[in-house]
Amino acid sequence: MTLDACFDDVLAAAQTGASWALTELYRDVHPSVLRYLRSQEPVDGEDVASQVWIDVARSLPRFTGGEDDFRRWIFTIARRRLIDVRRSRARRCVEPIDPSDQAAEYESTDADADPATTVTDGITTADAIAQLRAMLPPDQAEALVLRVVSGLDVAQVASIMGKQAGTVRVLQHRAIRRLSAAGWRWMVTN
């Protein structure tokens, strides 16, 4: 759905604060923005969408351009809010633990057991991937997961990600360096 011929009138009214015009713009653009955000961040998509519309409301009086420019502007704001959410999440990588669960875990562990073995035995692939995603930028995490977990070669990953093979190698290399600096050890060949 697009506003086409009446877009300029609706935009002008919205820039002056007319609620009907803001509603029209919202109804026209919000569904596609929300689909995009949910596809990128299924859990936080709606929260990010609300941040996008707050930014739109603040900046709308200064906006100039046509309907295509308006859509591009809103999706640019949406992408930037996604980046902000991901950066924020990476900085505070915290998963709350119930104290009673933690106490029970310590009581059940063998005092002579190797801590490294205890940790690696207790971690699932899903947990490891969640930790990767929290520690790495999305493109690096995606490249590493496709290479290591899925066992795909560089050419296949490049095709899936729509990137050059050299770019995939660089993403993988940077991801491994970042994880190594954080104490992870990886064995990836080719």
C-alpha atoms as a PDB file:
ATOM      1  CA  MET A   1       0.000   0.000   0.000  1.00  0.00           C
ATOM      2  CA  THR A   2       1.303   3.432  -0.891  1.00  0.00           C
ATOM      3  CA  LEU A   3      -0.076   6.922  -0.553  1.00  0.00           C
ATOM      4  CA  ASP A   4       1.090   7.917  -4.080  1.00  0.00           C
ATOM      5  CA  ALA A   5      -0.527  11.194  -5.188  1.00  0.00           C
ATOM      6  CA  CYS A   6      -1.663  12.321  -1.744  1.00  0.00           C
ATOM      7  CA  PHE A   7       1.701  11.647  -0.054  1.00  0.00           C
ATOM      8  CA  ASP A   8       2.880  15.264  -0.188  1.00  0.00           C
ATOM      9  CA  ASP A   9      -0.350  16.493   1.444  1.00  0.00           C
ATOM     10  CA  VAL A  10      -0.255  13.789   4.120  1.00  0.00           C
ATOM     11  CA  LEU A  11       3.424  14.481   4.841  1.00  0.00           C
ATOM     12  CA  ALA A  12       2.852  18.239   5.111  1.00  0.00           C
ATOM     13  CA  ALA A  13      -0.033  17.682   7.532  1.00  0.00           C
ATOM     14  CA  ALA A  14       2.013  15.179   9.576  1.00  0.00           C
ATOM     15  CA  GLN A  15       4.892  17.645   9.813  1.00  0.00           C
ATOM     16  CA  THR A  16       2.526  20.155  11.401  1.00  0.00           C
ATOM     17  CA  GLY A  17       1.353  17.536  13.903  1.00  0.00           C
ATOM     18  CA  ALA A  18      -1.987  16.465  12.411  1.00  0.00           C
ATOM     19  CA  SER A  19      -2.786  13.158  14.076  1.00  0.00           C
ATOM     20  CA  TRP A  20      -4.803  11.838  11.110  1.00  0.00           C
ATOM     21  CA  ALA A  21      -1.774  12.338   8.846  1.00  0.00           C
ATOM     22  CA  LEU A  22       0.601  10.660  11.290  1.00  0.00           C
ATOM     23  CA  THR A  23      -1.847   7.757  11.466  1.00  0.00           C
ATOM     24  CA  GLU A  24      -1.890   7.468   7.659  1.00  0.00           C
ATOM     25  CA  LEU A  25       1.911   7.413   7.461  1.00  0.00           C
ATOM     26  CA  TYR A  26       2.082   4.859  10.261  1.00  0.00           C
ATOM     27  CA  ARG A  27      -0.539   2.581   8.676  1.00  0.00           C
ATOM     28  CA  ASP A  28       1.200   2.786   5.332  1.00  0.00           C
ATOM     29  CA  VAL A  29       4.777   2.064   6.413  1.00  0.00           C
ATOM     30  CA  HIS A  30       4.655   0.300   9.785  1.00  0.00           C
ATOM     31  CA  PRO A  31       3.727  -3.234   8.606  1.00  0.00           C
ATOM     32  CA  SER A  32       6.741  -3.486   6.298  1.00  0.00           C
ATOM     33  CA  VAL A  33       9.078  -1.932   8.888  1.00  0.00           C
ATOM     34  CA  LEU A  34       7.855  -4.366  11.523  1.00  0.00           C
ATOM     35  CA  ARG A  35       8.305  -7.358   9.185  1.00  0.00           C
ATOM     36  CA  TYR A  36      11.865  -6.252   8.491  1.00  0.00           C
ATOM     37  CA  LEU A  37      12.666  -5.767  12.172  1.00  0.00           C
ATOM     38  CA  ARG A  38      11.117  -9.089  13.205  1.00  0.00           C
ATOM     39  CA  SER A  39      13.102 -10.889  10.529  1.00  0.00           C
ATOM     40  CA  GLN A  40      16.306  -9.410  11.925  1.00  0.00           C
ATOM     41  CA  GLU A  41      15.495  -9.546  15.659  1.00  0.00           C
ATOM     42  CA  PRO A  42      12.509 -11.818  16.347  1.00  0.00           C
ATOM     43  CA  VAL A  43      12.500 -11.145  20.084  1.00  0.00           C
ATOM     44  CA  ASP A  44      13.146  -7.398  20.052  1.00  0.00           C
ATOM     45  CA  GLY A  45      11.546  -6.432  16.719  1.00  0.00           C
ATOM     46  CA  GLU A  46       8.524  -4.684  18.206  1.00  0.00           C
ATOM     47  CA  ASP A  47      10.620  -2.793  20.761  1.00  0.00           C
ATOM     48  CA  VAL A  48      12.936  -1.592  18.014  1.00  0.00           C
ATOM     49  CA  ALA A  49       9.911  -0.551  15.932  1.00  0.00           C
ATOM     50  CA  SER A  50       8.682   1.651  18.758  1.00  0.00           C
ATOM     51  CA  GLN A  51      12.131   3.276  18.951  1.00  0.00           C
ATOM     52  CA  VAL A  52      12.012   3.851  15.194  1.00  0.00           C
ATOM     53  CA  TRP A  53       8.689   5.670  15.394  1.00  0.00           C
ATOM     54  CA  ILE A  54       9.906   7.810  18.285  1.00  0.00           C
ATOM     55  CA  ASP A  55      12.865   8.856  16.120  1.00  0.00           C
ATOM     56  CA  VAL A  56      10.544   9.484  13.174  1.00  0.00           C
ATOM     57  CA  ALA A  57       8.282  11.671  15.309  1.00  0.00           C
ATOM     58  CA  ARG A  58      11.251  13.714  16.540  1.00  0.00           C
ATOM     59  CA  SER A  59      12.759  14.214  13.088  1.00  0.00           C
ATOM     60  CA  LEU A  60       9.653  14.407  10.888  1.00  0.00           C
ATOM     61  CA  PRO A  61       9.457  18.230  10.802  1.00  0.00           C
ATOM     62  CA  ARG A  62      12.947  18.332   9.251  1.00  0.00           C
ATOM     63  CA  PHE A  63      12.314  15.629   6.644  1.00  0.00           C
ATOM     64  CA  THR A  64      12.327  16.640   2.982  1.00  0.00           C
ATOM     65  CA  GLY A  65      11.712  14.427  -0.014  1.00  0.00           C
ATOM     66  CA  GLY A  66       9.156  12.235  -1.726  1.00  0.00           C
ATOM     67  CA  GLU A  67       7.485   8.989  -0.761  1.00  0.00           C
ATOM     68  CA  ASP A  68      10.424   6.797  -1.823  1.00  0.00           C
ATOM     69  CA  ASP A  69      12.779   9.033   0.163  1.00  0.00           C
ATOM     70  CA  PHE A  70      10.471   8.753   3.167  1.00  0.00           C
ATOM     71  CA  ARG A  71      10.476   4.944   3.066  1.00  0.00           C
ATOM     72  CA  ARG A  72      14.264   4.842   2.635  1.00  0.00           C
ATOM     73  CA  TRP A  73      14.618   7.283   5.554  1.00  0.00           C
ATOM     74  CA  ILE A  74      12.462   5.146   7.869  1.00  0.00           C
ATOM     75  CA  PHE A  75      14.284   1.921   6.949  1.00  0.00           C
ATOM     76  CA  THR A  76      17.611   3.667   7.524  1.00  0.00           C
ATOM     77  CA  ILE A  77      16.417   4.650  10.996  1.00  0.00           C
ATOM     78  CA  ALA A  78      15.220   1.062  11.573  1.00  0.00           C
ATOM     79  CA  ARG A  79      18.571  -0.393  10.559  1.00  0.00           C
ATOM     80  CA  ARG A  80      20.423   2.027  12.823  1.00  0.00           C
ATOM     81  CA  ARG A  81      18.199   1.139  15.788  1.00  0.00           C
ATOM     82  CA  LEU A  82      18.889  -2.559  15.088  1.00  0.00           C
ATOM     83  CA  ILE A  83      22.602  -1.860  15.161  1.00  0.00           C
ATOM     84  CA  ASP A  84      22.163   0.024  18.453  1.00  0.00           C
ATOM     85  CA  VAL A  85      20.253  -2.900  20.006  1.00  0.00           C
ATOM     86  CA  ARG A  86      22.875  -5.390  18.896  1.00  0.00           C
ATOM     87  CA  ARG A  87      25.724  -3.268  20.202  1.00  0.00           C
ATOM     88  CA  SER A  88      23.957  -2.784  23.502  1.00  0.00           C
ATOM     89  CA  ARG A  89      23.307  -6.500  23.826  1.00  0.00           C
ATOM     90  CA  ALA A  90      26.948  -7.305  23.026  1.00  0.00           C
ATOM     91  CA  ARG A  91      28.158  -4.914  25.720  1.00  0.00           C
ATOM     92  CA  ARG A  92      25.987  -6.408  28.418  1.00  0.00           C
ATOM     93  CA  CYS A  93      25.913 -10.077  27.658  1.00  0.00           C
ATOM     94  CA  VAL A  94      24.038 -11.212  30.748  1.00  0.00           C
ATOM     95  CA  GLU A  95      21.701 -14.110  31.333  1.00  0.00           C
ATOM     96  CA  PRO A  96      20.133 -14.079  34.800  1.00  0.00           C
ATOM     97  CA  ILE A  97      20.589 -17.245  36.858  1.00  0.00           C
ATOM     98  CA  ASP A  98      18.277 -18.290  39.645  1.00  0.00           C
ATOM     99  CA  PRO A  99      20.434 -18.494  42.819  1.00  0.00           C
ATOM    100  CA  SER A 100      18.798 -21.768  43.871  1.00  0.00           C
ATOM    101  CA  ASP A 101      19.752 -23.367  40.528  1.00  0.00           C
ATOM    102  CA  GLN A 102      23.319 -22.176  40.954  1.00  0.00           C
ATOM    103  CA  ALA A 103      23.575 -23.562  44.501  1.00  0.00           C
ATOM    104  CA  ALA A 104      22.172 -26.942  43.407  1.00  0.00           C
ATOM    105  CA  GLU A 105      24.696 -27.120  40.573  1.00  0.00           C
ATOM    106  CA  TYR A 106      27.635 -26.485  42.919  1.00  0.00           C
ATOM    107  CA  GLU A 107      26.391 -29.091  45.381  1.00  0.00           C
ATOM    108  CA  SER A 108      26.112 -31.762  42.681  1.00  0.00           C
ATOM    109  CA  THR A 109      29.570 -31.267  41.123  1.00  0.00           C
ATOM    110  CA  ASP A 110      32.473 -33.490  42.038  1.00  0.00           C
ATOM    111  CA  ALA A 111      35.227 -31.578  43.836  1.00  0.00           C
ATOM    112  CA  ASP A 112      37.921 -33.472  41.909  1.00  0.00           C
ATOM    113  CA  ALA A 113      36.321 -32.958  38.475  1.00  0.00           C
ATOM    114  CA  ASP A 114      38.139 -30.940  35.829  1.00  0.00           C
ATOM    115  CA  PRO A 115      36.342 -27.553  35.514  1.00  0.00           C
ATOM    116  CA  ALA A 116      36.932 -27.406  31.741  1.00  0.00           C
ATOM    117  CA  THR A 117      35.324 -30.811  31.266  1.00  0.00           C
ATOM    118  CA  THR A 118      32.398 -29.850  33.476  1.00  0.00           C
ATOM    119  CA  VAL A 119      31.760 -26.732  31.394  1.00  0.00           C
ATOM    120  CA  THR A 120      32.117 -28.366  27.989  1.00  0.00           C
ATOM    121  CA  ASP A 121      29.981 -31.352  28.996  1.00  0.00           C
ATOM    122  CA  GLY A 122      27.204 -29.034  30.167  1.00  0.00           C
ATOM    123  CA  ILE A 123      27.066 -26.785  27.129  1.00  0.00           C
ATOM    124  CA  THR A 124      24.774 -27.562  24.216  1.00  0.00           C
ATOM    125  CA  THR A 125      25.245 -26.514  20.619  1.00  0.00           C
ATOM    126  CA  ALA A 126      22.379 -24.053  21.034  1.00  0.00           C
ATOM    127  CA  ASP A 127      24.098 -22.522  24.077  1.00  0.00           C
ATOM    128  CA  ALA A 128      27.371 -22.218  22.173  1.00  0.00           C
ATOM    129  CA  ILE A 129      25.665 -20.563  19.203  1.00  0.00           C
ATOM    130  CA  ALA A 130      23.854 -18.143  21.531  1.00  0.00           C
ATOM    131  CA  GLN A 131      27.200 -17.216  23.090  1.00  0.00           C
ATOM    132  CA  LEU A 132      28.742 -16.751  19.639  1.00  0.00           C
ATOM    133  CA  ARG A 133      25.909 -14.470  18.573  1.00  0.00           C
ATOM    134  CA  ALA A 134      26.299 -12.434  21.744  1.00  0.00           C
ATOM    135  CA  MET A 135      30.069 -12.033  21.297  1.00  0.00           C
ATOM    136  CA  LEU A 136      30.324 -11.467  17.544  1.00  0.00           C
ATOM    137  CA  PRO A 137      28.866  -9.070  15.022  1.00  0.00           C
ATOM    138  CA  PRO A 138      25.964 -10.741  13.177  1.00  0.00           C
ATOM    139  CA  ASP A 139      27.800 -11.276   9.884  1.00  0.00           C
ATOM    140  CA  GLN A 140      30.816 -12.843  11.620  1.00  0.00           C
ATOM    141  CA  ALA A 141      28.592 -15.082  13.749  1.00  0.00           C
ATOM    142  CA  GLU A 142      26.594 -16.156  10.712  1.00  0.00           C
ATOM    143  CA  ALA A 143      29.724 -16.974   8.703  1.00  0.00           C
ATOM    144  CA  LEU A 144      31.262 -18.942  11.572  1.00  0.00           C
ATOM    145  CA  VAL A 145      28.078 -20.877  12.330  1.00  0.00           C
ATOM    146  CA  LEU A 146      27.631 -21.793   8.671  1.00  0.00           C
ATOM    147  CA  ARG A 147      31.270 -22.910   8.403  1.00  0.00           C
ATOM    148  CA  VAL A 148      31.738 -24.716  11.717  1.00  0.00           C
ATOM    149  CA  VAL A 149      28.317 -25.881  12.851  1.00  0.00           C
ATOM    150  CA  SER A 150      26.795 -26.519   9.429  1.00  0.00           C
ATOM    151  CA  GLY A 151      30.055 -27.769   7.948  1.00  0.00           C
ATOM    152  CA  LEU A 152      29.727 -25.807   4.711  1.00  0.00           C
ATOM    153  CA  ASP A 153      32.723 -24.775   2.633  1.00  0.00           C
ATOM    154  CA  VAL A 154      33.647 -21.166   1.921  1.00  0.00           C
ATOM    155  CA  ALA A 155      32.033 -21.144  -1.532  1.00  0.00           C
ATOM    156  CA  GLN A 156      28.725 -22.424  -0.163  1.00  0.00           C
ATOM    157  CA  VAL A 157      28.711 -19.892   2.680  1.00  0.00           C
ATOM    158  CA  ALA A 158      29.560 -17.099   0.245  1.00  0.00           C
ATOM    159  CA  SER A 159      26.618 -18.089  -1.937  1.00  0.00           C
ATOM    160  CA  ILE A 160      24.229 -18.250   1.030  1.00  0.00           C
ATOM    161  CA  MET A 161      25.350 -14.904   2.451  1.00  0.00           C
ATOM    162  CA  GLY A 162      25.535 -13.189  -0.936  1.00  0.00           C
ATOM    163  CA  LYS A 163      29.186 -12.287  -0.410  1.00  0.00           C
ATOM    164  CA  GLN A 164      32.512 -12.989  -2.076  1.00  0.00           C
ATOM    165  CA  ALA A 165      34.483 -16.032  -0.870  1.00  0.00           C
ATOM    166  CA  GLY A 166      37.300 -13.738   0.279  1.00  0.00           C
ATOM    167  CA  THR A 167      34.842 -11.737   2.374  1.00  0.00           C
ATOM    168  CA  VAL A 168      33.634 -14.919   4.062  1.00  0.00           C
ATOM    169  CA  ARG A 169      37.234 -15.899   4.843  1.00  0.00           C
ATOM    170  CA  VAL A 170      37.864 -12.453   6.359  1.00  0.00           C
ATOM    171  CA  LEU A 171      34.644 -12.628   8.428  1.00  0.00           C
ATOM    172  CA  GLN A 172      35.608 -16.087   9.673  1.00  0.00           C
ATOM    173  CA  HIS A 173      39.169 -15.019  10.473  1.00  0.00           C
ATOM    174  CA  ARG A 174      38.003 -11.954  12.406  1.00  0.00           C
ATOM    175  CA  ALA A 175      35.454 -14.024  14.313  1.00  0.00           C
ATOM    176  CA  ILE A 176      38.061 -16.604  15.299  1.00  0.00           C
ATOM    177  CA  ARG A 177      40.503 -13.874  16.382  1.00  0.00           C
ATOM    178  CA  ARG A 178      37.812 -12.204  18.497  1.00  0.00           C
ATOM    179  CA  LEU A 179      36.820 -15.505  20.114  1.00  0.00           C
ATOM    180  CA  SER A 180      40.460 -16.453  20.737  1.00  0.00           C
ATOM    181  CA  ALA A 181      41.006 -13.123  22.468  1.00  0.00           C
ATOM    182  CA  ALA A 182      38.015 -13.968  24.672  1.00  0.00           C
ATOM    183  CA  GLY A 183      39.520 -17.347  25.583  1.00  0.00           C
ATOM    184  CA  TRP A 184      37.709 -19.607  23.105  1.00  0.00           C
ATOM    185  CA  ARG A 185      39.735 -22.156  21.149  1.00  0.00           C
ATOM    186  CA  TRP A 186      38.636 -23.145  17.653  1.00  0.00           C
ATOM    187  CA  MET A 187      39.867 -25.533  15.066  1.00  0.00           C
ATOM    188  CA  VAL A 188      38.703 -24.482  11.616  1.00  0.00           C
ATOM    189  CA  THR A 189      40.386 -25.632   8.450  1.00  0.00           C
ATOM    190  CA  ASN A 190      40.192 -24.419   4.860  1.00  0.00           C
END
